[in-house]
Amino acid sequence: MKLPEQGSLLRIFIGETDQYNNKALYEQIVLKARELNLAGATVTRGVMGFGADSRMHNAKLLRLSEDLPVIIEIVDTEENLNKLIPFLDETVQEGLITVEKVRVVKYRHS
């Protein structure tokens, strides 16, 4: 797959304990992105953050099972990312979803 130089970055900010159909929401989002043949997805677990409710989430040595922030990032064309939006609208009950323009410098796979 070759991406054009001008693409879009979709970012989804949720909590790691958020669920959909009794499975981790971040996992369900990545599986849906794969099903839609998007270019790829990366899930990053945050060590600290807060959302609209201003409740602090952080990873302390003795509290590793906290509901830490999770960010799913997907870069593709805007048209392709728009295929995922209805699924996100249905599944993301709390969180933040952003889209921004990005310049793709290189995207290769064998």
PDB file of N, CA and C in Angstrom:
ATOM      1  N   MET A   1       0.848  -1.182   0.000  1.00  0.00           N
ATOM      2  CA  MET A   1       0.000   0.000   0.000  1.00  0.00           C
ATOM      3  C   MET A   1       0.885   1.233   0.000  1.00  0.00           C
ATOM      4  N   LYS A   2       0.514   2.198  -0.796  1.00  0.00           N
ATOM      5  CA  LYS A   2       1.242   3.464  -0.826  1.00  0.00           C
ATOM      6  C   LYS A   2       0.290   4.565  -0.374  1.00  0.00           C
ATOM      7  N   LEU A   3       0.752   5.344   0.565  1.00  0.00           N
ATOM      8  CA  LEU A   3      -0.050   6.476   1.034  1.00  0.00           C
ATOM      9  C   LEU A   3       0.380   7.728   0.299  1.00  0.00           C
ATOM     10  N   PRO A   4      -0.574   8.602  -0.014  1.00  0.00           N
ATOM     11  CA  PRO A   4      -0.189   9.881  -0.615  1.00  0.00           C
ATOM     12  C   PRO A   4       0.559  10.727   0.407  1.00  0.00           C
ATOM     13  N   GLU A   5       1.278  11.726  -0.074  1.00  0.00           N
ATOM     14  CA  GLU A   5       2.056  12.565   0.834  1.00  0.00           C
ATOM     15  C   GLU A   5       1.170  13.282   1.847  1.00  0.00           C
ATOM     16  N   GLN A   6      -0.014  13.713   1.432  1.00  0.00           N
ATOM     17  CA  GLN A   6      -0.939  14.363   2.355  1.00  0.00           C
ATOM     18  C   GLN A   6      -1.924  13.328   2.890  1.00  0.00           C
ATOM     19  N   GLY A   7      -1.877  13.096   4.176  1.00  0.00           N
ATOM     20  CA  GLY A   7      -2.773  12.139   4.800  1.00  0.00           C
ATOM     21  C   GLY A   7      -3.450  12.771   6.000  1.00  0.00           C
ATOM     22  N   SER A   8      -4.096  11.935   6.778  1.00  0.00           N
ATOM     23  CA  SER A   8      -4.757  12.393   7.994  1.00  0.00           C
ATOM     24  C   SER A   8      -4.391  11.464   9.137  1.00  0.00           C
ATOM     25  N   LEU A   9      -4.345  12.021  10.329  1.00  0.00           N
ATOM     26  CA  LEU A   9      -4.052  11.275  11.548  1.00  0.00           C
ATOM     27  C   LEU A   9      -5.305  11.280  12.409  1.00  0.00           C
ATOM     28  N   LEU A  10      -5.797  10.095  12.708  1.00  0.00           N
ATOM     29  CA  LEU A  10      -6.948   9.931  13.593  1.00  0.00           C
ATOM     30  C   LEU A  10      -6.409   9.508  14.951  1.00  0.00           C
ATOM     31  N   ARG A  11      -6.766  10.259  15.988  1.00  0.00           N
ATOM     32  CA  ARG A  11      -6.358   9.924  17.355  1.00  0.00           C
ATOM     33  C   ARG A  11      -7.596   9.698  18.197  1.00  0.00           C
ATOM     34  N   ILE A  12      -7.583   8.592  18.944  1.00  0.00           N
ATOM     35  CA  ILE A  12      -8.697   8.256  19.814  1.00  0.00           C
ATOM     36  C   ILE A  12      -8.147   8.129  21.233  1.00  0.00           C
ATOM     37  N   PHE A  13      -8.647   8.955  22.131  1.00  0.00           N
ATOM     38  CA  PHE A  13      -8.216   8.953  23.529  1.00  0.00           C
ATOM     39  C   PHE A  13      -9.310   8.292  24.362  1.00  0.00           C
ATOM     40  N   ILE A  14      -8.996   7.162  24.975  1.00  0.00           N
ATOM     41  CA  ILE A  14      -9.955   6.439  25.809  1.00  0.00           C
ATOM     42  C   ILE A  14      -9.235   5.912  27.050  1.00  0.00           C
ATOM     43  N   GLY A  15      -9.955   5.214  27.907  1.00  0.00           N
ATOM     44  CA  GLY A  15      -9.347   4.571  29.066  1.00  0.00           C
ATOM     45  C   GLY A  15      -9.066   3.108  28.769  1.00  0.00           C
ATOM     46  N   GLU A  16      -8.019   2.564  29.386  1.00  0.00           N
ATOM     47  CA  GLU A  16      -7.657   1.186  29.070  1.00  0.00           C
ATOM     48  C   GLU A  16      -8.680   0.170  29.549  1.00  0.00           C
ATOM     49  N   THR A  17      -9.543   0.532  30.484  1.00  0.00           N
ATOM     50  CA  THR A  17     -10.566  -0.415  30.937  1.00  0.00           C
ATOM     51  C   THR A  17     -11.882  -0.264  30.175  1.00  0.00           C
ATOM     52  N   ASP A  18     -11.965   0.677  29.235  1.00  0.00           N
ATOM     53  CA  ASP A  18     -13.177   0.823  28.426  1.00  0.00           C
ATOM     54  C   ASP A  18     -13.397  -0.455  27.623  1.00  0.00           C
ATOM     55  N   GLN A  19     -14.661  -0.871  27.556  1.00  0.00           N
ATOM     56  CA  GLN A  19     -14.985  -2.134  26.899  1.00  0.00           C
ATOM     57  C   GLN A  19     -16.063  -1.962  25.842  1.00  0.00           C
ATOM     58  N   TYR A  20     -16.069  -2.913  24.908  1.00  0.00           N
ATOM     59  CA  TYR A  20     -17.123  -3.043  23.912  1.00  0.00           C
ATOM     60  C   TYR A  20     -17.310  -4.535  23.664  1.00  0.00           C
ATOM     61  N   ASN A  21     -18.516  -5.009  23.841  1.00  0.00           N
ATOM     62  CA  ASN A  21     -18.811  -6.447  23.721  1.00  0.00           C
ATOM     63  C   ASN A  21     -17.896  -7.299  24.605  1.00  0.00           C
ATOM     64  N   ASN A  22     -17.686  -6.835  25.836  1.00  0.00           N
ATOM     65  CA  ASN A  22     -16.885  -7.557  26.838  1.00  0.00           C
ATOM     66  C   ASN A  22     -15.428  -7.765  26.446  1.00  0.00           C
ATOM     67  N   LYS A  23     -14.915  -6.901  25.570  1.00  0.00           N
ATOM     68  CA  LYS A  23     -13.499  -6.927  25.190  1.00  0.00           C
ATOM     69  C   LYS A  23     -12.953  -5.511  25.288  1.00  0.00           C
ATOM     70  N   ALA A  24     -11.643  -5.404  25.397  1.00  0.00           N
ATOM     71  CA  ALA A  24     -11.010  -4.086  25.477  1.00  0.00           C
ATOM     72  C   ALA A  24     -11.383  -3.258  24.254  1.00  0.00           C
ATOM     73  N   LEU A  25     -11.866  -2.042  24.482  1.00  0.00           N
ATOM     74  CA  LEU A  25     -12.293  -1.178  23.383  1.00  0.00           C
ATOM     75  C   LEU A  25     -11.144  -0.874  22.434  1.00  0.00           C
ATOM     76  N   TYR A  26      -9.945  -0.618  22.977  1.00  0.00           N
ATOM     77  CA  TYR A  26      -8.819  -0.303  22.097  1.00  0.00           C
ATOM     78  C   TYR A  26      -8.526  -1.477  21.153  1.00  0.00           C
ATOM     79  N   GLU A  27      -8.676  -2.701  21.650  1.00  0.00           N
ATOM     80  CA  GLU A  27      -8.454  -3.870  20.806  1.00  0.00           C
ATOM     81  C   GLU A  27      -9.530  -3.967  19.716  1.00  0.00           C
ATOM     82  N   GLN A  28     -10.765  -3.698  20.075  1.00  0.00           N
ATOM     83  CA  GLN A  28     -11.860  -3.748  19.112  1.00  0.00           C
ATOM     84  C   GLN A  28     -11.681  -2.699  18.013  1.00  0.00           C
ATOM     85  N   ILE A  29     -11.187  -1.522  18.391  1.00  0.00           N
ATOM     86  CA  ILE A  29     -10.959  -0.454  17.411  1.00  0.00           C
ATOM     87  C   ILE A  29      -9.863  -0.861  16.431  1.00  0.00           C
ATOM     88  N   VAL A  30      -8.779  -1.433  16.940  1.00  0.00           N
ATOM     89  CA  VAL A  30      -7.681  -1.858  16.066  1.00  0.00           C
ATOM     90  C   VAL A  30      -8.144  -2.974  15.128  1.00  0.00           C
ATOM     91  N   LEU A  31      -8.904  -3.922  15.650  1.00  0.00           N
ATOM     92  CA  LEU A  31      -9.417  -5.002  14.809  1.00  0.00           C
ATOM     93  C   LEU A  31     -10.344  -4.475  13.713  1.00  0.00           C
ATOM     94  N   LYS A  32     -11.172  -3.482  14.060  1.00  0.00           N
ATOM     95  CA  LYS A  32     -12.065  -2.880  13.063  1.00  0.00           C
ATOM     96  C   LYS A  32     -11.252  -2.132  12.002  1.00  0.00           C
ATOM     97  N   ALA A  33     -10.209  -1.417  12.428  1.00  0.00           N
ATOM     98  CA  ALA A  33      -9.348  -0.705  11.471  1.00  0.00           C
ATOM     99  C   ALA A  33      -8.694  -1.695  10.509  1.00  0.00           C
ATOM    100  N   ARG A  34      -8.274  -2.820  11.033  1.00  0.00           N
ATOM    101  CA  ARG A  34      -7.668  -3.865  10.189  1.00  0.00           C
ATOM    102  C   ARG A  34      -8.701  -4.430   9.210  1.00  0.00           C
ATOM    103  N   GLU A  35      -9.905  -4.680   9.714  1.00  0.00           N
ATOM    104  CA  GLU A  35     -10.989  -5.193   8.875  1.00  0.00           C
ATOM    105  C   GLU A  35     -11.291  -4.237   7.718  1.00  0.00           C
ATOM    106  N   LEU A  36     -11.162  -2.944   7.977  1.00  0.00           N
ATOM    107  CA  LEU A  36     -11.421  -1.921   6.959  1.00  0.00           C
ATOM    108  C   LEU A  36     -10.205  -1.658   6.072  1.00  0.00           C
ATOM    109  N   ASN A  37      -9.135  -2.430   6.271  1.00  0.00           N
ATOM    110  CA  ASN A  37      -7.903  -2.309   5.475  1.00  0.00           C
ATOM    111  C   ASN A  37      -7.239  -0.950   5.597  1.00  0.00           C
ATOM    112  N   LEU A  38      -7.294  -0.353   6.792  1.00  0.00           N
ATOM    113  CA  LEU A  38      -6.586   0.904   7.000  1.00  0.00           C
ATOM    114  C   LEU A  38      -5.089   0.617   7.042  1.00  0.00           C
ATOM    115  N   ALA A  39      -4.279   1.644   6.867  1.00  0.00           N
ATOM    116  CA  ALA A  39      -2.834   1.469   6.713  1.00  0.00           C
ATOM    117  C   ALA A  39      -2.175   0.847   7.939  1.00  0.00           C
ATOM    118  N   GLY A  40      -2.693   1.096   9.127  1.00  0.00           N
ATOM    119  CA  GLY A  40      -2.112   0.554  10.352  1.00  0.00           C
ATOM    120  C   GLY A  40      -2.618   1.314  11.548  1.00  0.00           C
ATOM    121  N   ALA A  41      -2.403   0.755  12.718  1.00  0.00           N
ATOM    122  CA  ALA A  41      -2.853   1.398  13.955  1.00  0.00           C
ATOM    123  C   ALA A  41      -1.838   1.117  15.055  1.00  0.00           C
ATOM    124  N   THR A  42      -1.668   2.073  15.944  1.00  0.00           N
ATOM    125  CA  THR A  42      -0.782   1.926  17.085  1.00  0.00           C
ATOM    126  C   THR A  42      -1.537   2.321  18.341  1.00  0.00           C
ATOM    127  N   VAL A  43      -1.400   1.490  19.381  1.00  0.00           N
ATOM    128  CA  VAL A  43      -2.006   1.786  20.678  1.00  0.00           C
ATOM    129  C   VAL A  43      -0.882   2.123  21.647  1.00  0.00           C
ATOM    130  N   THR A  44      -1.015   3.258  22.313  1.00  0.00           N
ATOM    131  CA  THR A  44      -0.042   3.696  23.297  1.00  0.00           C
ATOM    132  C   THR A  44      -0.728   3.843  24.640  1.00  0.00           C
ATOM    133  N   ARG A  45      -0.115   3.281  25.675  1.00  0.00           N
ATOM    134  CA  ARG A  45      -0.651   3.379  27.035  1.00  0.00           C
ATOM    135  C   ARG A  45       0.047   4.531  27.740  1.00  0.00           C
ATOM    136  N   GLY A  46      -0.731   5.453  28.246  1.00  0.00           N
ATOM    137  CA  GLY A  46      -0.173   6.609  28.937  1.00  0.00           C
ATOM    138  C   GLY A  46       0.210   6.272  30.373  1.00  0.00           C
ATOM    139  N   VAL A  47       1.105   7.040  30.935  1.00  0.00           N
ATOM    140  CA  VAL A  47       1.484   6.839  32.331  1.00  0.00           C
ATOM    141  C   VAL A  47       0.758   7.797  33.257  1.00  0.00           C
ATOM    142  N   MET A  48       0.170   8.842  32.665  1.00  0.00           N
ATOM    143  CA  MET A  48      -0.552   9.811  33.483  1.00  0.00           C
ATOM    144  C   MET A  48      -1.444  10.643  32.584  1.00  0.00           C
ATOM    145  N   GLY A  49      -2.605  11.050  33.103  1.00  0.00           N
ATOM    146  CA  GLY A  49      -3.481  11.909  32.338  1.00  0.00           C
ATOM    147  C   GLY A  49      -4.782  12.163  33.067  1.00  0.00           C
ATOM    148  N   PHE A  50      -5.594  13.062  32.520  1.00  0.00           N
ATOM    149  CA  PHE A  50      -6.937  13.291  33.033  1.00  0.00           C
ATOM    150  C   PHE A  50      -7.803  13.704  31.868  1.00  0.00           C
ATOM    151  N   GLY A  51      -9.102  13.491  32.036  1.00  0.00           N
ATOM    152  CA  GLY A  51     -10.038  13.809  30.972  1.00  0.00           C
ATOM    153  C   GLY A  51     -11.010  14.873  31.399  1.00  0.00           C
ATOM    154  N   ALA A  52     -12.187  14.865  30.775  1.00  0.00           N
ATOM    155  CA  ALA A  52     -13.188  15.897  31.006  1.00  0.00           C
ATOM    156  C   ALA A  52     -13.661  15.944  32.452  1.00  0.00           C
ATOM    157  N   ASP A  53     -13.622  14.803  33.137  1.00  0.00           N
ATOM    158  CA  ASP A  53     -14.071  14.785  34.540  1.00  0.00           C
ATOM    159  C   ASP A  53     -12.988  15.249  35.510  1.00  0.00           C
ATOM    160  N   SER A  54     -11.798  15.555  34.999  1.00  0.00           N
ATOM    161  CA  SER A  54     -10.644  16.024  35.775  1.00  0.00           C
ATOM    162  C   SER A  54     -10.136  15.011  36.794  1.00  0.00           C
ATOM    163  N   ARG A  55     -10.569  13.748  36.675  1.00  0.00           N
ATOM    164  CA  ARG A  55     -10.057  12.703  37.569  1.00  0.00           C
ATOM    165  C   ARG A  55      -8.693  12.273  37.057  1.00  0.00           C
ATOM    166  N   MET A  56      -7.696  12.289  37.956  1.00  0.00           N
ATOM    167  CA  MET A  56      -6.324  11.971  37.588  1.00  0.00           C
ATOM    168  C   MET A  56      -6.145  10.460  37.469  1.00  0.00           C
ATOM    169  N   HIS A  57      -5.474  10.031  36.399  1.00  0.00           N
ATOM    170  CA  HIS A  57      -5.115   8.637  36.184  1.00  0.00           C
ATOM    171  C   HIS A  57      -3.592   8.597  36.098  1.00  0.00           C
ATOM    172  N   ASN A  58      -2.959   7.738  36.899  1.00  0.00           N
ATOM    173  CA  ASN A  58      -1.511   7.624  36.798  1.00  0.00           C
ATOM    174  C   ASN A  58      -1.034   6.249  37.218  1.00  0.00           C
ATOM    175  N   ALA A  59       0.153   5.903  36.768  1.00  0.00           N
ATOM    176  CA  ALA A  59       0.750   4.603  37.080  1.00  0.00           C
ATOM    177  C   ALA A  59       1.755   4.795  38.213  1.00  0.00           C
ATOM    178  N   LYS A  60       1.425   4.281  39.364  1.00  0.00           N
ATOM    179  CA  LYS A  60       2.341   4.288  40.497  1.00  0.00           C
ATOM    180  C   LYS A  60       2.815   2.846  40.685  1.00  0.00           C
ATOM    181  N   LEU A  61       3.951   2.661  41.290  1.00  0.00           N
ATOM    182  CA  LEU A  61       4.498   1.321  41.470  1.00  0.00           C
ATOM    183  C   LEU A  61       3.525   0.359  42.129  1.00  0.00           C
ATOM    184  N   LEU A  62       2.801   0.815  43.117  1.00  0.00           N
ATOM    185  CA  LEU A  62       1.926  -0.082  43.857  1.00  0.00           C
ATOM    186  C   LEU A  62       0.514  -0.143  43.295  1.00  0.00           C
ATOM    187  N   ARG A  63       0.248   0.635  42.233  1.00  0.00           N
ATOM    188  CA  ARG A  63      -1.099   0.653  41.656  1.00  0.00           C
ATOM    189  C   ARG A  63      -1.028   0.505  40.143  1.00  0.00           C
ATOM    190  N   LEU A  64      -0.551  -0.632  39.675  1.00  0.00           N
ATOM    191  CA  LEU A  64      -0.352  -0.820  38.244  1.00  0.00           C
ATOM    192  C   LEU A  64      -1.641  -1.107  37.485  1.00  0.00           C
ATOM    193  N   SER A  65      -2.726  -1.392  38.201  1.00  0.00           N
ATOM    194  CA  SER A  65      -3.951  -1.767  37.510  1.00  0.00           C
ATOM    195  C   SER A  65      -4.938  -0.614  37.378  1.00  0.00           C
ATOM    196  N   GLU A  66      -4.461   0.601  37.467  1.00  0.00           N
ATOM    197  CA  GLU A  66      -5.323   1.769  37.309  1.00  0.00           C
ATOM    198  C   GLU A  66      -5.872   1.837  35.884  1.00  0.00           C
ATOM    199  N   ASP A  67      -6.907   2.617  35.710  1.00  0.00           N
ATOM    200  CA  ASP A  67      -7.499   2.862  34.390  1.00  0.00           C
ATOM    201  C   ASP A  67      -6.682   3.950  33.702  1.00  0.00           C
ATOM    202  N   LEU A  68      -5.572   3.557  33.095  1.00  0.00           N
ATOM    203  CA  LEU A  68      -4.673   4.522  32.478  1.00  0.00           C
ATOM    204  C   LEU A  68      -5.195   4.969  31.112  1.00  0.00           C
ATOM    205  N   PRO A  69      -4.749   6.152  30.662  1.00  0.00           N
ATOM    206  CA  PRO A  69      -5.167   6.623  29.349  1.00  0.00           C
ATOM    207  C   PRO A  69      -4.554   5.766  28.241  1.00  0.00           C
ATOM    208  N   VAL A  70      -5.302   5.600  27.162  1.00  0.00           N
ATOM    209  CA  VAL A  70      -4.846   4.866  25.983  1.00  0.00           C
ATOM    210  C   VAL A  70      -5.108   5.753  24.771  1.00  0.00           C
ATOM    211  N   ILE A  71      -4.134   5.808  23.876  1.00  0.00           N
ATOM    212  CA  ILE A  71      -4.285   6.568  22.639  1.00  0.00           C
ATOM    213  C   ILE A  71      -4.106   5.608  21.469  1.00  0.00           C
ATOM    214  N   ILE A  72      -5.079   5.599  20.574  1.00  0.00           N
ATOM    215  CA  ILE A  72      -4.975   4.823  19.345  1.00  0.00           C
ATOM    216  C   ILE A  72      -4.734   5.818  18.223  1.00  0.00           C
ATOM    217  N   GLU A  73      -3.661   5.607  17.464  1.00  0.00           N
ATOM    218  CA  GLU A  73      -3.330   6.493  16.352  1.00  0.00           C
ATOM    219  C   GLU A  73      -3.364   5.714  15.044  1.00  0.00           C
ATOM    220  N   ILE A  74      -4.014   6.311  14.056  1.00  0.00           N
ATOM    221  CA  ILE A  74      -4.125   5.688  12.739  1.00  0.00           C
ATOM    222  C   ILE A  74      -3.872   6.769  11.691  1.00  0.00           C
ATOM    223  N   VAL A  75      -2.931   6.508  10.792  1.00  0.00           N
ATOM    224  CA  VAL A  75      -2.648   7.428   9.689  1.00  0.00           C
ATOM    225  C   VAL A  75      -3.084   6.766   8.397  1.00  0.00           C
ATOM    226  N   ASP A  76      -3.863   7.474   7.626  1.00  0.00           N
ATOM    227  CA  ASP A  76      -4.339   6.983   6.328  1.00  0.00           C
ATOM    228  C   ASP A  76      -4.918   8.186   5.595  1.00  0.00           C
ATOM    229  N   THR A  77      -5.596   7.939   4.502  1.00  0.00           N
ATOM    230  CA  THR A  77      -6.276   9.032   3.813  1.00  0.00           C
ATOM    231  C   THR A  77      -7.521   9.407   4.618  1.00  0.00           C
ATOM    232  N   GLU A  78      -7.961  10.631   4.469  1.00  0.00           N
ATOM    233  CA  GLU A  78      -9.166  11.072   5.171  1.00  0.00           C
ATOM    234  C   GLU A  78     -10.364  10.205   4.776  1.00  0.00           C
ATOM    235  N   GLU A  79     -10.434   9.875   3.493  1.00  0.00           N
ATOM    236  CA  GLU A  79     -11.528   9.040   2.994  1.00  0.00           C
ATOM    237  C   GLU A  79     -11.554   7.681   3.704  1.00  0.00           C
ATOM    238  N   ASN A  80     -10.393   7.055   3.836  1.00  0.00           N
ATOM    239  CA  ASN A  80     -10.340   5.752   4.510  1.00  0.00           C
ATOM    240  C   ASN A  80     -10.653   5.865   6.000  1.00  0.00           C
ATOM    241  N   LEU A  81     -10.145   6.901   6.648  1.00  0.00           N
ATOM    242  CA  LEU A  81     -10.412   7.077   8.080  1.00  0.00           C
ATOM    243  C   LEU A  81     -11.899   7.307   8.338  1.00  0.00           C
ATOM    244  N   ASN A  82     -12.562   7.973   7.409  1.00  0.00           N
ATOM    245  CA  ASN A  82     -14.002   8.226   7.568  1.00  0.00           C
ATOM    246  C   ASN A  82     -14.819   6.943   7.618  1.00  0.00           C
ATOM    247  N   LYS A  83     -14.292   5.850   7.091  1.00  0.00           N
ATOM    248  CA  LYS A  83     -14.977   4.558   7.161  1.00  0.00           C
ATOM    249  C   LYS A  83     -15.058   4.040   8.597  1.00  0.00           C
ATOM    250  N   LEU A  84     -14.134   4.471   9.437  1.00  0.00           N
ATOM    251  CA  LEU A  84     -14.088   4.015  10.826  1.00  0.00           C
ATOM    252  C   LEU A  84     -14.963   4.851  11.756  1.00  0.00           C
ATOM    253  N   ILE A  85     -15.289   6.069  11.365  1.00  0.00           N
ATOM    254  CA  ILE A  85     -16.013   7.003  12.231  1.00  0.00           C
ATOM    255  C   ILE A  85     -17.351   6.455  12.733  1.00  0.00           C
ATOM    256  N   PRO A  86     -18.186   5.821  11.901  1.00  0.00           N
ATOM    257  CA  PRO A  86     -19.449   5.281  12.434  1.00  0.00           C
ATOM    258  C   PRO A  86     -19.240   4.255  13.546  1.00  0.00           C
ATOM    259  N   PHE A  87     -18.221   3.414  13.411  1.00  0.00           N
ATOM    260  CA  PHE A  87     -17.912   2.431  14.455  1.00  0.00           C
ATOM    261  C   PHE A  87     -17.489   3.139  15.742  1.00  0.00           C
ATOM    262  N   LEU A  88     -16.670   4.179  15.611  1.00  0.00           N
ATOM    263  CA  LEU A  88     -16.226   4.936  16.789  1.00  0.00           C
ATOM    264  C   LEU A  88     -17.407   5.635  17.452  1.00  0.00           C
ATOM    265  N   ASP A  89     -18.300   6.182  16.642  1.00  0.00           N
ATOM    266  CA  ASP A  89     -19.478   6.867  17.174  1.00  0.00           C
ATOM    267  C   ASP A  89     -20.329   5.900  18.005  1.00  0.00           C
ATOM    268  N   GLU A  90     -20.395   4.664  17.569  1.00  0.00           N
ATOM    269  CA  GLU A  90     -21.174   3.639  18.270  1.00  0.00           C
ATOM    270  C   GLU A  90     -20.480   3.139  19.535  1.00  0.00           C
ATOM    271  N   THR A  91     -19.163   3.028  19.509  1.00  0.00           N
ATOM    272  CA  THR A  91     -18.451   2.320  20.581  1.00  0.00           C
ATOM    273  C   THR A  91     -17.790   3.202  21.630  1.00  0.00           C
ATOM    274  N   VAL A  92     -17.355   4.391  21.274  1.00  0.00           N
ATOM    275  CA  VAL A  92     -16.656   5.263  22.227  1.00  0.00           C
ATOM    276  C   VAL A  92     -17.693   6.055  23.011  1.00  0.00           C
ATOM    277  N   GLN A  93     -17.921   5.635  24.246  1.00  0.00           N
ATOM    278  CA  GLN A  93     -18.906   6.300  25.102  1.00  0.00           C
ATOM    279  C   GLN A  93     -18.301   7.513  25.813  1.00  0.00           C
ATOM    280  N   GLU A  94     -17.032   7.405  26.201  1.00  0.00           N
ATOM    281  CA  GLU A  94     -16.309   8.511  26.832  1.00  0.00           C
ATOM    282  C   GLU A  94     -14.941   8.586  26.195  1.00  0.00           C
ATOM    283  N   GLY A  95     -14.501   9.784  25.891  1.00  0.00           N
ATOM    284  CA  GLY A  95     -13.182   9.941  25.299  1.00  0.00           C
ATOM    285  C   GLY A  95     -13.133  11.147  24.388  1.00  0.00           C
ATOM    286  N   LEU A  96     -12.091  11.181  23.590  1.00  0.00           N
ATOM    287  CA  LEU A  96     -11.864  12.282  22.662  1.00  0.00           C
ATOM    288  C   LEU A  96     -11.371  11.693  21.355  1.00  0.00           C
ATOM    289  N   ILE A  97     -11.898  12.187  20.249  1.00  0.00           N
ATOM    290  CA  ILE A  97     -11.476  11.737  18.927  1.00  0.00           C
ATOM    291  C   ILE A  97     -11.087  12.972  18.128  1.00  0.00           C
ATOM    292  N   THR A  98      -9.878  12.949  17.567  1.00  0.00           N
ATOM    293  CA  THR A  98      -9.411  14.086  16.769  1.00  0.00           C
ATOM    294  C   THR A  98      -8.910  13.593  15.417  1.00  0.00           C
ATOM    295  N   VAL A  99      -8.937  14.489  14.447  1.00  0.00           N
ATOM    296  CA  VAL A  99      -8.373  14.223  13.124  1.00  0.00           C
ATOM    297  C   VAL A  99      -7.564  15.454  12.736  1.00  0.00           C
ATOM    298  N   GLU A 100      -6.367  15.210  12.233  1.00  0.00           N
ATOM    299  CA  GLU A 100      -5.558  16.328  11.766  1.00  0.00           C
ATOM    300  C   GLU A 100      -4.811  15.927  10.499  1.00  0.00           C
ATOM    301  N   LYS A 101      -4.480  16.921   9.712  1.00  0.00           N
ATOM    302  CA  LYS A 101      -3.715  16.692   8.485  1.00  0.00           C
ATOM    303  C   LYS A 101      -2.269  16.387   8.853  1.00  0.00           C
ATOM    304  N   VAL A 102      -1.672  15.449   8.138  1.00  0.00           N
ATOM    305  CA  VAL A 102      -0.261  15.123   8.337  1.00  0.00           C
ATOM    306  C   VAL A 102       0.417  14.968   6.984  1.00  0.00           C
ATOM    307  N   ARG A 103       1.715  15.147   6.987  1.00  0.00           N
ATOM    308  CA  ARG A 103       2.522  14.912   5.789  1.00  0.00           C
ATOM    309  C   ARG A 103       3.214  13.572   5.957  1.00  0.00           C
ATOM    310  N   VAL A 104       2.932  12.641   5.082  1.00  0.00           N
ATOM    311  CA  VAL A 104       3.544  11.315   5.124  1.00  0.00           C
ATOM    312  C   VAL A 104       4.892  11.385   4.407  1.00  0.00           C
ATOM    313  N   VAL A 105       5.957  11.148   5.140  1.00  0.00           N
ATOM    314  CA  VAL A 105       7.286  11.188   4.557  1.00  0.00           C
ATOM    315  C   VAL A 105       7.634   9.840   3.936  1.00  0.00           C
ATOM    316  N   LYS A 106       7.320   8.762   4.644  1.00  0.00           N
ATOM    317  CA  LYS A 106       7.605   7.433   4.111  1.00  0.00           C
ATOM    318  C   LYS A 106       6.672   6.432   4.752  1.00  0.00           C
ATOM    319  N   TYR A 107       6.171   5.501   3.961  1.00  0.00           N
ATOM    320  CA  TYR A 107       5.373   4.389   4.447  1.00  0.00           C
ATOM    321  C   TYR A 107       5.670   3.211   3.550  1.00  0.00           C
ATOM    322  N   ARG A 108       6.357   2.233   4.078  1.00  0.00           N
ATOM    323  CA  ARG A 108       6.734   1.077   3.270  1.00  0.00           C
ATOM    324  C   ARG A 108       6.534  -0.200   4.059  1.00  0.00           C
ATOM    325  N   HIS A 109       6.247  -1.242   3.347  1.00  0.00           N
ATOM    326  CA  HIS A 109       6.246  -2.590   3.926  1.00  0.00           C
ATOM    327  C   HIS A 109       6.633  -3.559   2.841  1.00  0.00           C
ATOM    328  N   SER A 110       7.126  -4.719   3.257  1.00  0.00           N
ATOM    329  CA  SER A 110       7.596  -5.690   2.257  1.00  0.00           C
ATOM    330  C   SER A 110       6.497  -6.618   1.807  1.00  0.00           C
TER     331      SER A 110
END
